[in-house]
Amino acid sequence: DLVLLDVMLPKLDGFAVCKILRQESRTPILMLTALDDDDNQLKGFDALADDYIAKPFSMPVVLKRIEAVLRPQARLGAQPPKAALSAERIAAVGRSKKRACRCCARREPVPAGL
């Protein structure tokens, strides 16, 4: 399991959500946001996010960072992480203007292993 969390949310900001999640869970949290300045990145890490990725981003790099965050779970006996997106899908997302992973915006569960 993994949480991809934006900072700019309608009611609570992502930093507050991250702090709430951290009180109840050790699930890895990656902040994925357009706020790329040092102060916001430090605020994300202070909220106990495991990683902070600023937009625009490269999908192959995001997938590798997800794998890196999930790696400690794999060492504890869980299945090793692997990206659920094909190279073709990554290239297609990379060419889009939004440069966002559509699987992250779905309301249904993300495929196992991502």
PDB file of N, CA and C in Angstrom:
ATOM      1  N   ASP A   1       0.836  -1.188   0.000  1.00  0.00           N
ATOM      2  CA  ASP A   1       0.000   0.000   0.000  1.00  0.00           C
ATOM      3  C   ASP A   1       0.875   1.243   0.000  1.00  0.00           C
ATOM      4  N   LEU A   2       0.317   2.308  -0.557  1.00  0.00           N
ATOM      5  CA  LEU A   2       1.042   3.559  -0.691  1.00  0.00           C
ATOM      6  C   LEU A   2       0.023   4.678  -0.849  1.00  0.00           C
ATOM      7  N   VAL A   3       0.309   5.835  -0.268  1.00  0.00           N
ATOM      8  CA  VAL A   3      -0.561   6.997  -0.421  1.00  0.00           C
ATOM      9  C   VAL A   3       0.160   8.029  -1.279  1.00  0.00           C
ATOM     10  N   LEU A   4      -0.472   8.441  -2.385  1.00  0.00           N
ATOM     11  CA  LEU A   4      -0.007   9.580  -3.173  1.00  0.00           C
ATOM     12  C   LEU A   4      -0.887  10.747  -2.763  1.00  0.00           C
ATOM     13  N   LEU A   5      -0.294  11.788  -2.216  1.00  0.00           N
ATOM     14  CA  LEU A   5      -1.055  12.859  -1.593  1.00  0.00           C
ATOM     15  C   LEU A   5      -0.652  14.209  -2.165  1.00  0.00           C
ATOM     16  N   ASP A   6      -1.638  14.958  -2.644  1.00  0.00           N
ATOM     17  CA  ASP A   6      -1.384  16.322  -3.109  1.00  0.00           C
ATOM     18  C   ASP A   6      -1.455  17.260  -1.908  1.00  0.00           C
ATOM     19  N   VAL A   7      -0.759  18.373  -1.982  1.00  0.00           N
ATOM     20  CA  VAL A   7      -0.795  19.361  -0.908  1.00  0.00           C
ATOM     21  C   VAL A   7      -2.059  20.210  -1.006  1.00  0.00           C
ATOM     22  N   MET A   8      -2.408  20.588  -2.220  1.00  0.00           N
ATOM     23  CA  MET A   8      -3.522  21.518  -2.408  1.00  0.00           C
ATOM     24  C   MET A   8      -4.850  20.766  -2.502  1.00  0.00           C
ATOM     25  N   LEU A   9      -5.488  20.603  -1.351  1.00  0.00           N
ATOM     26  CA  LEU A   9      -6.775  19.929  -1.238  1.00  0.00           C
ATOM     27  C   LEU A   9      -7.825  20.948  -0.809  1.00  0.00           C
ATOM     28  N   PRO A  10      -9.112  20.688  -1.063  1.00  0.00           N
ATOM     29  CA  PRO A  10     -10.141  21.698  -0.824  1.00  0.00           C
ATOM     30  C   PRO A  10     -10.388  22.085   0.637  1.00  0.00           C
ATOM     31  N   LYS A  11     -10.362  21.151   1.577  1.00  0.00           N
ATOM     32  CA  LYS A  11     -10.695  21.500   2.959  1.00  0.00           C
ATOM     33  C   LYS A  11      -9.470  21.528   3.852  1.00  0.00           C
ATOM     34  N   LEU A  12      -8.798  20.421   3.978  1.00  0.00           N
ATOM     35  CA  LEU A  12      -7.528  20.349   4.699  1.00  0.00           C
ATOM     36  C   LEU A  12      -6.414  20.315   3.673  1.00  0.00           C
ATOM     37  N   ASP A  13      -5.286  20.932   3.983  1.00  0.00           N
ATOM     38  CA  ASP A  13      -4.179  20.795   3.040  1.00  0.00           C
ATOM     39  C   ASP A  13      -3.521  19.424   3.229  1.00  0.00           C
ATOM     40  N   GLY A  14      -2.727  19.039   2.270  1.00  0.00           N
ATOM     41  CA  GLY A  14      -2.089  17.728   2.303  1.00  0.00           C
ATOM     42  C   GLY A  14      -1.156  17.536   3.484  1.00  0.00           C
ATOM     43  N   PHE A  15      -0.586  18.620   3.996  1.00  0.00           N
ATOM     44  CA  PHE A  15       0.293  18.507   5.157  1.00  0.00           C
ATOM     45  C   PHE A  15      -0.507  18.040   6.373  1.00  0.00           C
ATOM     46  N   ALA A  16      -1.688  18.616   6.568  1.00  0.00           N
ATOM     47  CA  ALA A  16      -2.552  18.228   7.687  1.00  0.00           C
ATOM     48  C   ALA A  16      -3.026  16.789   7.519  1.00  0.00           C
ATOM     49  N   VAL A  17      -3.394  16.423   6.292  1.00  0.00           N
ATOM     50  CA  VAL A  17      -3.836  15.054   6.027  1.00  0.00           C
ATOM     51  C   VAL A  17      -2.701  14.082   6.321  1.00  0.00           C
ATOM     52  N   CYS A  18      -1.494  14.430   5.923  1.00  0.00           N
ATOM     53  CA  CYS A  18      -0.326  13.585   6.158  1.00  0.00           C
ATOM     54  C   CYS A  18      -0.123  13.363   7.656  1.00  0.00           C
ATOM     55  N   LYS A  19      -0.231  14.419   8.443  1.00  0.00           N
ATOM     56  CA  LYS A  19      -0.062  14.298   9.898  1.00  0.00           C
ATOM     57  C   LYS A  19      -1.132  13.390  10.501  1.00  0.00           C
ATOM     58  N   ILE A  20      -2.364  13.518  10.021  1.00  0.00           N
ATOM     59  CA  ILE A  20      -3.454  12.674  10.519  1.00  0.00           C
ATOM     60  C   ILE A  20      -3.199  11.211  10.151  1.00  0.00           C
ATOM     61  N   LEU A  21      -2.817  10.979   8.883  1.00  0.00           N
ATOM     62  CA  LEU A  21      -2.521   9.613   8.447  1.00  0.00           C
ATOM     63  C   LEU A  21      -1.383   9.009   9.271  1.00  0.00           C
ATOM     64  N   ARG A  22      -0.374   9.804   9.548  1.00  0.00           N
ATOM     65  CA  ARG A  22       0.794   9.328  10.291  1.00  0.00           C
ATOM     66  C   ARG A  22       0.434   8.909  11.710  1.00  0.00           C
ATOM     67  N   GLN A  23      -0.573   9.531  12.297  1.00  0.00           N
ATOM     68  CA  GLN A  23      -0.987   9.164  13.655  1.00  0.00           C
ATOM     69  C   GLN A  23      -1.588   7.767  13.694  1.00  0.00           C
ATOM     70  N   GLU A  24      -2.115   7.316  12.554  1.00  0.00           N
ATOM     71  CA  GLU A  24      -2.833   6.050  12.531  1.00  0.00           C
ATOM     72  C   GLU A  24      -2.194   4.981  11.668  1.00  0.00           C
ATOM     73  N   SER A  25      -1.194   5.333  10.873  1.00  0.00           N
ATOM     74  CA  SER A  25      -0.681   4.372   9.907  1.00  0.00           C
ATOM     75  C   SER A  25       0.796   4.608   9.611  1.00  0.00           C
ATOM     76  N   ARG A  26       1.461   3.514   9.278  1.00  0.00           N
ATOM     77  CA  ARG A  26       2.849   3.590   8.822  1.00  0.00           C
ATOM     78  C   ARG A  26       2.936   3.411   7.308  1.00  0.00           C
ATOM     79  N   THR A  27       1.786   3.449   6.625  1.00  0.00           N
ATOM     80  CA  THR A  27       1.754   3.321   5.172  1.00  0.00           C
ATOM     81  C   THR A  27       2.601   4.433   4.556  1.00  0.00           C
ATOM     82  N   PRO A  28       3.474   4.114   3.612  1.00  0.00           N
ATOM     83  CA  PRO A  28       4.296   5.148   2.976  1.00  0.00           C
ATOM     84  C   PRO A  28       3.432   6.233   2.325  1.00  0.00           C
ATOM     85  N   ILE A  29       3.875   7.474   2.479  1.00  0.00           N
ATOM     86  CA  ILE A  29       3.172   8.625   1.922  1.00  0.00           C
ATOM     87  C   ILE A  29       4.130   9.389   1.023  1.00  0.00           C
ATOM     88  N   LEU A  30       3.723   9.584  -0.224  1.00  0.00           N
ATOM     89  CA  LEU A  30       4.470  10.414  -1.167  1.00  0.00           C
ATOM     90  C   LEU A  30       3.643  11.647  -1.450  1.00  0.00           C
ATOM     91  N   MET A  31       4.201  12.803  -1.190  1.00  0.00           N
ATOM     92  CA  MET A  31       3.554  14.058  -1.542  1.00  0.00           C
ATOM     93  C   MET A  31       3.849  14.298  -3.019  1.00  0.00           C
ATOM     94  N   LEU A  32       2.823  14.547  -3.792  1.00  0.00           N
ATOM     95  CA  LEU A  32       2.944  14.757  -5.236  1.00  0.00           C
ATOM     96  C   LEU A  32       2.227  16.068  -5.523  1.00  0.00           C
ATOM     97  N   THR A  33       2.981  17.135  -5.777  1.00  0.00           N
ATOM     98  CA  THR A  33       2.373  18.461  -5.790  1.00  0.00           C
ATOM     99  C   THR A  33       3.099  19.443  -6.699  1.00  0.00           C
ATOM    100  N   ALA A  34       2.423  20.531  -7.002  1.00  0.00           N
ATOM    101  CA  ALA A  34       3.010  21.602  -7.811  1.00  0.00           C
ATOM    102  C   ALA A  34       3.852  22.556  -6.956  1.00  0.00           C
ATOM    103  N   LEU A  35       3.742  22.461  -5.650  1.00  0.00           N
ATOM    104  CA  LEU A  35       4.501  23.347  -4.759  1.00  0.00           C
ATOM    105  C   LEU A  35       5.925  22.814  -4.642  1.00  0.00           C
ATOM    106  N   ASP A  36       6.848  23.476  -5.356  1.00  0.00           N
ATOM    107  CA  ASP A  36       8.195  22.927  -5.456  1.00  0.00           C
ATOM    108  C   ASP A  36       9.257  23.694  -4.678  1.00  0.00           C
ATOM    109  N   ASP A  37       8.849  24.685  -3.882  1.00  0.00           N
ATOM    110  CA  ASP A  37       9.856  25.460  -3.152  1.00  0.00           C
ATOM    111  C   ASP A  37      10.363  24.682  -1.932  1.00  0.00           C
ATOM    112  N   ASP A  38      11.512  25.061  -1.449  1.00  0.00           N
ATOM    113  CA  ASP A  38      12.145  24.374  -0.321  1.00  0.00           C
ATOM    114  C   ASP A  38      11.272  24.369   0.924  1.00  0.00           C
ATOM    115  N   ASP A  39      10.634  25.496   1.230  1.00  0.00           N
ATOM    116  CA  ASP A  39       9.807  25.571   2.442  1.00  0.00           C
ATOM    117  C   ASP A  39       8.698  24.525   2.440  1.00  0.00           C
ATOM    118  N   ASN A  40       8.012  24.352   1.308  1.00  0.00           N
ATOM    119  CA  ASN A  40       6.946  23.364   1.238  1.00  0.00           C
ATOM    120  C   ASN A  40       7.490  21.942   1.266  1.00  0.00           C
ATOM    121  N   GLN A  41       8.626  21.718   0.638  1.00  0.00           N
ATOM    122  CA  GLN A  41       9.226  20.390   0.691  1.00  0.00           C
ATOM    123  C   GLN A  41       9.612  20.045   2.126  1.00  0.00           C
ATOM    124  N   LEU A  42      10.211  20.982   2.820  1.00  0.00           N
ATOM    125  CA  LEU A  42      10.576  20.743   4.222  1.00  0.00           C
ATOM    126  C   LEU A  42       9.339  20.537   5.081  1.00  0.00           C
ATOM    127  N   LYS A  43       8.287  21.284   4.795  1.00  0.00           N
ATOM    128  CA  LYS A  43       7.031  21.125   5.524  1.00  0.00           C
ATOM    129  C   LYS A  43       6.465  19.717   5.305  1.00  0.00           C
ATOM    130  N   GLY A  44       6.584  19.192   4.085  1.00  0.00           N
ATOM    131  CA  GLY A  44       6.136  17.836   3.793  1.00  0.00           C
ATOM    132  C   GLY A  44       6.911  16.795   4.587  1.00  0.00           C
ATOM    133  N   PHE A  45       8.227  16.947   4.637  1.00  0.00           N
ATOM    134  CA  PHE A  45       9.032  16.003   5.410  1.00  0.00           C
ATOM    135  C   PHE A  45       8.781  16.159   6.905  1.00  0.00           C
ATOM    136  N   ASP A  46       8.542  17.389   7.358  1.00  0.00           N
ATOM    137  CA  ASP A  46       8.201  17.616   8.770  1.00  0.00           C
ATOM    138  C   ASP A  46       6.865  16.964   9.127  1.00  0.00           C
ATOM    139  N   ALA A  47       5.969  16.848   8.143  1.00  0.00           N
ATOM    140  CA  ALA A  47       4.678  16.175   8.359  1.00  0.00           C
ATOM    141  C   ALA A  47       4.839  14.655   8.294  1.00  0.00           C
ATOM    142  N   LEU A  48       6.074  14.196   8.100  1.00  0.00           N
ATOM    143  CA  LEU A  48       6.456  12.780   8.063  1.00  0.00           C
ATOM    144  C   LEU A  48       6.105  12.070   6.756  1.00  0.00           C
ATOM    145  N   ALA A  49       6.078  12.822   5.655  1.00  0.00           N
ATOM    146  CA  ALA A  49       5.963  12.190   4.340  1.00  0.00           C
ATOM    147  C   ALA A  49       7.263  11.438   4.058  1.00  0.00           C
ATOM    148  N   ASP A  50       7.160  10.341   3.332  1.00  0.00           N
ATOM    149  CA  ASP A  50       8.339   9.546   3.006  1.00  0.00           C
ATOM    150  C   ASP A  50       9.111  10.106   1.817  1.00  0.00           C
ATOM    151  N   ASP A  51       8.413  10.827   0.951  1.00  0.00           N
ATOM    152  CA  ASP A  51       9.068  11.456  -0.193  1.00  0.00           C
ATOM    153  C   ASP A  51       8.197  12.614  -0.652  1.00  0.00           C
ATOM    154  N   TYR A  52       8.773  13.530  -1.402  1.00  0.00           N
ATOM    155  CA  TYR A  52       8.088  14.722  -1.880  1.00  0.00           C
ATOM    156  C   TYR A  52       8.474  14.885  -3.341  1.00  0.00           C
ATOM    157  N   ILE A  53       7.503  14.814  -4.222  1.00  0.00           N
ATOM    158  CA  ILE A  53       7.770  14.895  -5.654  1.00  0.00           C
ATOM    159  C   ILE A  53       7.049  16.114  -6.210  1.00  0.00           C
ATOM    160  N   ALA A  54       7.805  17.019  -6.803  1.00  0.00           N
ATOM    161  CA  ALA A  54       7.225  18.251  -7.345  1.00  0.00           C
ATOM    162  C   ALA A  54       6.909  18.079  -8.827  1.00  0.00           C
ATOM    163  N   LYS A  55       5.805  18.680  -9.251  1.00  0.00           N
ATOM    164  CA  LYS A  55       5.408  18.699 -10.656  1.00  0.00           C
ATOM    165  C   LYS A  55       6.176  19.808 -11.363  1.00  0.00           C
ATOM    166  N   PRO A  56       6.461  19.708 -12.637  1.00  0.00           N
ATOM    167  CA  PRO A  56       6.244  18.532 -13.482  1.00  0.00           C
ATOM    168  C   PRO A  56       7.234  17.439 -13.105  1.00  0.00           C
ATOM    169  N   PHE A  57       6.858  16.215 -13.362  1.00  0.00           N
ATOM    170  CA  PHE A  57       7.694  15.098 -12.997  1.00  0.00           C
ATOM    171  C   PHE A  57       7.777  14.110 -14.146  1.00  0.00           C
ATOM    172  N   SER A  58       8.767  13.271 -14.080  1.00  0.00           N
ATOM    173  CA  SER A  58       8.972  12.216 -15.063  1.00  0.00           C
ATOM    174  C   SER A  58       8.342  10.937 -14.511  1.00  0.00           C
ATOM    175  N   MET A  59       7.439  10.322 -15.270  1.00  0.00           N
ATOM    176  CA  MET A  59       6.775   9.105 -14.799  1.00  0.00           C
ATOM    177  C   MET A  59       7.763   7.983 -14.478  1.00  0.00           C
ATOM    178  N   PRO A  60       8.779   7.743 -15.295  1.00  0.00           N
ATOM    179  CA  PRO A  60       9.726   6.683 -14.923  1.00  0.00           C
ATOM    180  C   PRO A  60      10.416   6.964 -13.584  1.00  0.00           C
ATOM    181  N   VAL A  61      10.732   8.223 -13.315  1.00  0.00           N
ATOM    182  CA  VAL A  61      11.365   8.574 -12.040  1.00  0.00           C
ATOM    183  C   VAL A  61      10.373   8.404 -10.892  1.00  0.00           C
ATOM    184  N   VAL A  62       9.126   8.820 -11.082  1.00  0.00           N
ATOM    185  CA  VAL A  62       8.106   8.648 -10.042  1.00  0.00           C
ATOM    186  C   VAL A  62       7.939   7.170  -9.713  1.00  0.00           C
ATOM    187  N   LEU A  63       7.883   6.329 -10.734  1.00  0.00           N
ATOM    188  CA  LEU A  63       7.722   4.894 -10.499  1.00  0.00           C
ATOM    189  C   LEU A  63       8.913   4.314  -9.733  1.00  0.00           C
ATOM    190  N   LYS A  64      10.104   4.760 -10.058  1.00  0.00           N
ATOM    191  CA  LYS A  64      11.294   4.277  -9.338  1.00  0.00           C
ATOM    192  C   LYS A  64      11.281   4.771  -7.891  1.00  0.00           C
ATOM    193  N   ARG A  65      10.803   5.996  -7.674  1.00  0.00           N
ATOM    194  CA  ARG A  65      10.736   6.515  -6.303  1.00  0.00           C
ATOM    195  C   ARG A  65       9.690   5.752  -5.494  1.00  0.00           C
ATOM    196  N   ILE A  66       8.589   5.356  -6.149  1.00  0.00           N
ATOM    197  CA  ILE A  66       7.575   4.532  -5.482  1.00  0.00           C
ATOM    198  C   ILE A  66       8.197   3.189  -5.095  1.00  0.00           C
ATOM    199  N   GLU A  67       8.915   2.580  -6.030  1.00  0.00           N
ATOM    200  CA  GLU A  67       9.582   1.316  -5.728  1.00  0.00           C
ATOM    201  C   GLU A  67      10.560   1.472  -4.563  1.00  0.00           C
ATOM    202  N   ALA A  68      11.298   2.574  -4.533  1.00  0.00           N
ATOM    203  CA  ALA A  68      12.265   2.806  -3.461  1.00  0.00           C
ATOM    204  C   ALA A  68      11.572   2.957  -2.111  1.00  0.00           C
ATOM    205  N   VAL A  69      10.444   3.647  -2.080  1.00  0.00           N
ATOM    206  CA  VAL A  69       9.715   3.826  -0.822  1.00  0.00           C
ATOM    207  C   VAL A  69       9.131   2.497  -0.351  1.00  0.00           C
ATOM    208  N   LEU A  70       8.729   1.652  -1.289  1.00  0.00           N
ATOM    209  CA  LEU A  70       8.144   0.361  -0.928  1.00  0.00           C
ATOM    210  C   LEU A  70       9.202  -0.704  -0.621  1.00  0.00           C
ATOM    211  N   ARG A  71      10.437  -0.453  -0.960  1.00  0.00           N
ATOM    212  CA  ARG A  71      11.500  -1.448  -0.787  1.00  0.00           C
ATOM    213  C   ARG A  71      11.640  -1.953   0.654  1.00  0.00           C
ATOM    214  N   PRO A  72      11.578  -1.095   1.670  1.00  0.00           N
ATOM    215  CA  PRO A  72      11.684  -1.624   3.047  1.00  0.00           C
ATOM    216  C   PRO A  72      10.585  -2.635   3.384  1.00  0.00           C
ATOM    217  N   GLN A  73       9.381  -2.459   2.851  1.00  0.00           N
ATOM    218  CA  GLN A  73       8.309  -3.427   3.080  1.00  0.00           C
ATOM    219  C   GLN A  73       8.677  -4.765   2.454  1.00  0.00           C
ATOM    220  N   ALA A  74       9.307  -4.716   1.284  1.00  0.00           N
ATOM    221  CA  ALA A  74       9.708  -5.951   0.604  1.00  0.00           C
ATOM    222  C   ALA A  74      10.745  -6.693   1.432  1.00  0.00           C
ATOM    223  N   ARG A  75      11.621  -5.956   2.110  1.00  0.00           N
ATOM    224  CA  ARG A  75      12.649  -6.590   2.943  1.00  0.00           C
ATOM    225  C   ARG A  75      12.030  -7.321   4.130  1.00  0.00           C
ATOM    226  N   LEU A  76      10.843  -6.876   4.532  1.00  0.00           N
ATOM    227  CA  LEU A  76      10.173  -7.502   5.670  1.00  0.00           C
ATOM    228  C   LEU A  76       9.303  -8.682   5.260  1.00  0.00           C
ATOM    229  N   GLY A  77       9.410  -9.109   4.004  1.00  0.00           N
ATOM    230  CA  GLY A  77       8.712 -10.306   3.575  1.00  0.00           C
ATOM    231  C   GLY A  77       7.549 -10.074   2.641  1.00  0.00           C
ATOM    232  N   ALA A  78       7.183  -8.829   2.399  1.00  0.00           N
ATOM    233  CA  ALA A  78       6.111  -8.555   1.439  1.00  0.00           C
ATOM    234  C   ALA A  78       6.654  -8.795   0.040  1.00  0.00           C
ATOM    235  N   GLN A  79       5.762  -8.882  -0.935  1.00  0.00           N
ATOM    236  CA  GLN A  79       6.199  -9.046  -2.319  1.00  0.00           C
ATOM    237  C   GLN A  79       7.015  -7.834  -2.742  1.00  0.00           C
ATOM    238  N   PRO A  80       8.067  -8.045  -3.529  1.00  0.00           N
ATOM    239  CA  PRO A  80       8.851  -6.904  -3.991  1.00  0.00           C
ATOM    240  C   PRO A  80       8.001  -5.988  -4.860  1.00  0.00           C
ATOM    241  N   PRO A  81       8.211  -4.672  -4.737  1.00  0.00           N
ATOM    242  CA  PRO A  81       7.417  -3.738  -5.527  1.00  0.00           C
ATOM    243  C   PRO A  81       7.763  -3.830  -6.997  1.00  0.00           C
ATOM    244  N   LYS A  82       6.763  -3.628  -7.827  1.00  0.00           N
ATOM    245  CA  LYS A  82       7.004  -3.534  -9.259  1.00  0.00           C
ATOM    246  C   LYS A  82       5.954  -2.612  -9.844  1.00  0.00           C
ATOM    247  N   ALA A  83       6.363  -1.866 -10.813  1.00  0.00           N
ATOM    248  CA  ALA A  83       5.451  -0.902 -11.429  1.00  0.00           C
ATOM    249  C   ALA A  83       4.389  -1.638 -12.222  1.00  0.00           C
ATOM    250  N   ALA A  84       3.148  -1.175 -12.100  1.00  0.00           N
ATOM    251  CA  ALA A  84       2.039  -1.808 -12.803  1.00  0.00           C
ATOM    252  C   ALA A  84       1.801  -1.176 -14.170  1.00  0.00           C
ATOM    253  N   LEU A  85       2.541  -0.147 -14.494  1.00  0.00           N
ATOM    254  CA  LEU A  85       2.363   0.527 -15.772  1.00  0.00           C
ATOM    255  C   LEU A  85       3.405   0.029 -16.763  1.00  0.00           C
ATOM    256  N   SER A  86       2.989  -0.197 -17.980  1.00  0.00           N
ATOM    257  CA  SER A  86       3.914  -0.641 -19.016  1.00  0.00           C
ATOM    258  C   SER A  86       4.742   0.539 -19.513  1.00  0.00           C
ATOM    259  N   ALA A  87       5.826   0.236 -20.193  1.00  0.00           N
ATOM    260  CA  ALA A  87       6.673   1.287 -20.761  1.00  0.00           C
ATOM    261  C   ALA A  87       5.883   2.136 -21.751  1.00  0.00           C
ATOM    262  N   GLU A  88       4.971   1.494 -22.506  1.00  0.00           N
ATOM    263  CA  GLU A  88       4.158   2.239 -23.470  1.00  0.00           C
ATOM    264  C   GLU A  88       3.232   3.216 -22.750  1.00  0.00           C
ATOM    265  N   ARG A  89       2.645   2.772 -21.655  1.00  0.00           N
ATOM    266  CA  ARG A  89       1.733   3.636 -20.881  1.00  0.00           C
ATOM    267  C   ARG A  89       2.499   4.804 -20.270  1.00  0.00           C
ATOM    268  N   ILE A  90       3.682   4.535 -19.763  1.00  0.00           N
ATOM    269  CA  ILE A  90       4.508   5.600 -19.196  1.00  0.00           C
ATOM    270  C   ILE A  90       4.841   6.625 -20.273  1.00  0.00           C
ATOM    271  N   ALA A  91       5.214   6.157 -21.455  1.00  0.00           N
ATOM    272  CA  ALA A  91       5.542   7.073 -22.555  1.00  0.00           C
ATOM    273  C   ALA A  91       4.322   7.899 -22.946  1.00  0.00           C
ATOM    274  N   ALA A  92       3.143   7.277 -22.993  1.00  0.00           N
ATOM    275  CA  ALA A  92       1.920   8.002 -23.359  1.00  0.00           C
ATOM    276  C   ALA A  92       1.589   9.070 -22.321  1.00  0.00           C
ATOM    277  N   VAL A  93       1.734   8.733 -21.052  1.00  0.00           N
ATOM    278  CA  VAL A  93       1.475   9.716 -19.989  1.00  0.00           C
ATOM    279  C   VAL A  93       2.514  10.826 -20.065  1.00  0.00           C
ATOM    280  N   GLY A  94       3.754  10.460 -20.343  1.00  0.00           N
ATOM    281  CA  GLY A  94       4.812  11.458 -20.436  1.00  0.00           C
ATOM    282  C   GLY A  94       4.589  12.460 -21.556  1.00  0.00           C
ATOM    283  N   ARG A  95       3.888  12.044 -22.628  1.00  0.00           N
ATOM    284  CA  ARG A  95       3.617  12.948 -23.744  1.00  0.00           C
ATOM    285  C   ARG A  95       2.401  13.836 -23.480  1.00  0.00           C
ATOM    286  N   SER A  96       1.575  13.460 -22.511  1.00  0.00           N
ATOM    287  CA  SER A  96       0.371  14.258 -22.259  1.00  0.00           C
ATOM    288  C   SER A  96       0.742  15.594 -21.631  1.00  0.00           C
ATOM    289  N   LYS A  97      -0.091  16.578 -21.830  1.00  0.00           N
ATOM    290  CA  LYS A  97       0.177  17.910 -21.290  1.00  0.00           C
ATOM    291  C   LYS A  97       0.069  17.937 -19.774  1.00  0.00           C
ATOM    292  N   LYS A  98      -0.826  17.142 -19.205  1.00  0.00           N
ATOM    293  CA  LYS A  98      -1.024  17.139 -17.763  1.00  0.00           C
ATOM    294  C   LYS A  98       0.135  16.490 -17.031  1.00  0.00           C
ATOM    295  N   ARG A  99       0.804  15.548 -17.674  1.00  0.00           N
ATOM    296  CA  ARG A  99       1.916  14.811 -17.090  1.00  0.00           C
ATOM    297  C   ARG A  99       1.546  14.187 -15.744  1.00  0.00           C
ATOM    298  N   ALA A 100       0.333  13.729 -15.651  1.00  0.00           N
ATOM    299  CA  ALA A 100      -0.115  13.075 -14.427  1.00  0.00           C
ATOM    300  C   ALA A 100      -0.524  11.646 -14.731  1.00  0.00           C
ATOM    301  N   CYS A 101      -0.351  10.795 -13.779  1.00  0.00           N
ATOM    302  CA  CYS A 101      -0.714   9.393 -13.926  1.00  0.00           C
ATOM    303  C   CYS A 101      -2.217   9.246 -13.747  1.00  0.00           C
ATOM    304  N   ARG A 102      -2.893   8.831 -14.792  1.00  0.00           N
ATOM    305  CA  ARG A 102      -4.349   8.709 -14.718  1.00  0.00           C
ATOM    306  C   ARG A 102      -4.787   7.637 -13.729  1.00  0.00           C
ATOM    307  N   CYS A 103      -3.960   6.631 -13.495  1.00  0.00           N
ATOM    308  CA  CYS A 103      -4.359   5.591 -12.541  1.00  0.00           C
ATOM    309  C   CYS A 103      -4.444   6.157 -11.133  1.00  0.00           C
ATOM    310  N   CYS A 104      -3.717   7.233 -10.845  1.00  0.00           N
ATOM    311  CA  CYS A 104      -3.757   7.830  -9.516  1.00  0.00           C
ATOM    312  C   CYS A 104      -5.027   8.638  -9.303  1.00  0.00           C
ATOM    313  N   ALA A 105      -5.647   9.101 -10.361  1.00  0.00           N
ATOM    314  CA  ALA A 105      -6.842   9.930 -10.253  1.00  0.00           C
ATOM    315  C   ALA A 105      -8.121   9.100 -10.208  1.00  0.00           C
ATOM    316  N   ARG A 106      -8.027   7.808 -10.516  1.00  0.00           N
ATOM    317  CA  ARG A 106      -9.217   6.960 -10.496  1.00  0.00           C
ATOM    318  C   ARG A 106      -9.728   6.803  -9.082  1.00  0.00           C
ATOM    319  N   ARG A 107     -11.018   6.559  -8.955  1.00  0.00           N
ATOM    320  CA  ARG A 107     -11.598   6.325  -7.645  1.00  0.00           C
ATOM    321  C   ARG A 107     -11.542   4.858  -7.254  1.00  0.00           C
ATOM    322  N   GLU A 108     -11.163   4.005  -8.187  1.00  0.00           N
ATOM    323  CA  GLU A 108     -11.051   2.582  -7.890  1.00  0.00           C
ATOM    324  C   GLU A 108      -9.651   2.279  -7.369  1.00  0.00           C
ATOM    325  N   PRO A 109      -9.444   1.144  -6.738  1.00  0.00           N
ATOM    326  CA  PRO A 109      -8.106   0.832  -6.192  1.00  0.00           C
ATOM    327  C   PRO A 109      -7.051   0.779  -7.280  1.00  0.00           C
ATOM    328  N   VAL A 110      -5.851   1.184  -6.925  1.00  0.00           N
ATOM    329  CA  VAL A 110      -4.707   1.107  -7.821  1.00  0.00           C
ATOM    330  C   VAL A 110      -4.293  -0.351  -7.922  1.00  0.00           C
ATOM    331  N   PRO A 111      -3.859  -0.819  -9.103  1.00  0.00           N
ATOM    332  CA  PRO A 111      -3.471  -2.223  -9.247  1.00  0.00           C
ATOM    333  C   PRO A 111      -2.419  -2.635  -8.231  1.00  0.00           C
ATOM    334  N   ALA A 112      -2.498  -3.859  -7.769  1.00  0.00           N
ATOM    335  CA  ALA A 112      -1.541  -4.391  -6.800  1.00  0.00           C
ATOM    336  C   ALA A 112      -0.131  -4.294  -7.368  1.00  0.00           C
ATOM    337  N   GLY A 113       0.807  -3.959  -6.522  1.00  0.00           N
ATOM    338  CA  GLY A 113       2.186  -3.871  -6.935  1.00  0.00           C
ATOM    339  C   GLY A 113       2.628  -2.478  -7.297  1.00  0.00           C
ATOM    340  N   LEU A 114       1.707  -1.517  -7.335  1.00  0.00           N
ATOM    341  CA  LEU A 114       2.082  -0.143  -7.674  1.00  0.00           C
ATOM    342  C   LEU A 114       2.113   0.681  -6.423  1.00  0.00           C
TER     343      LEU A 114
END
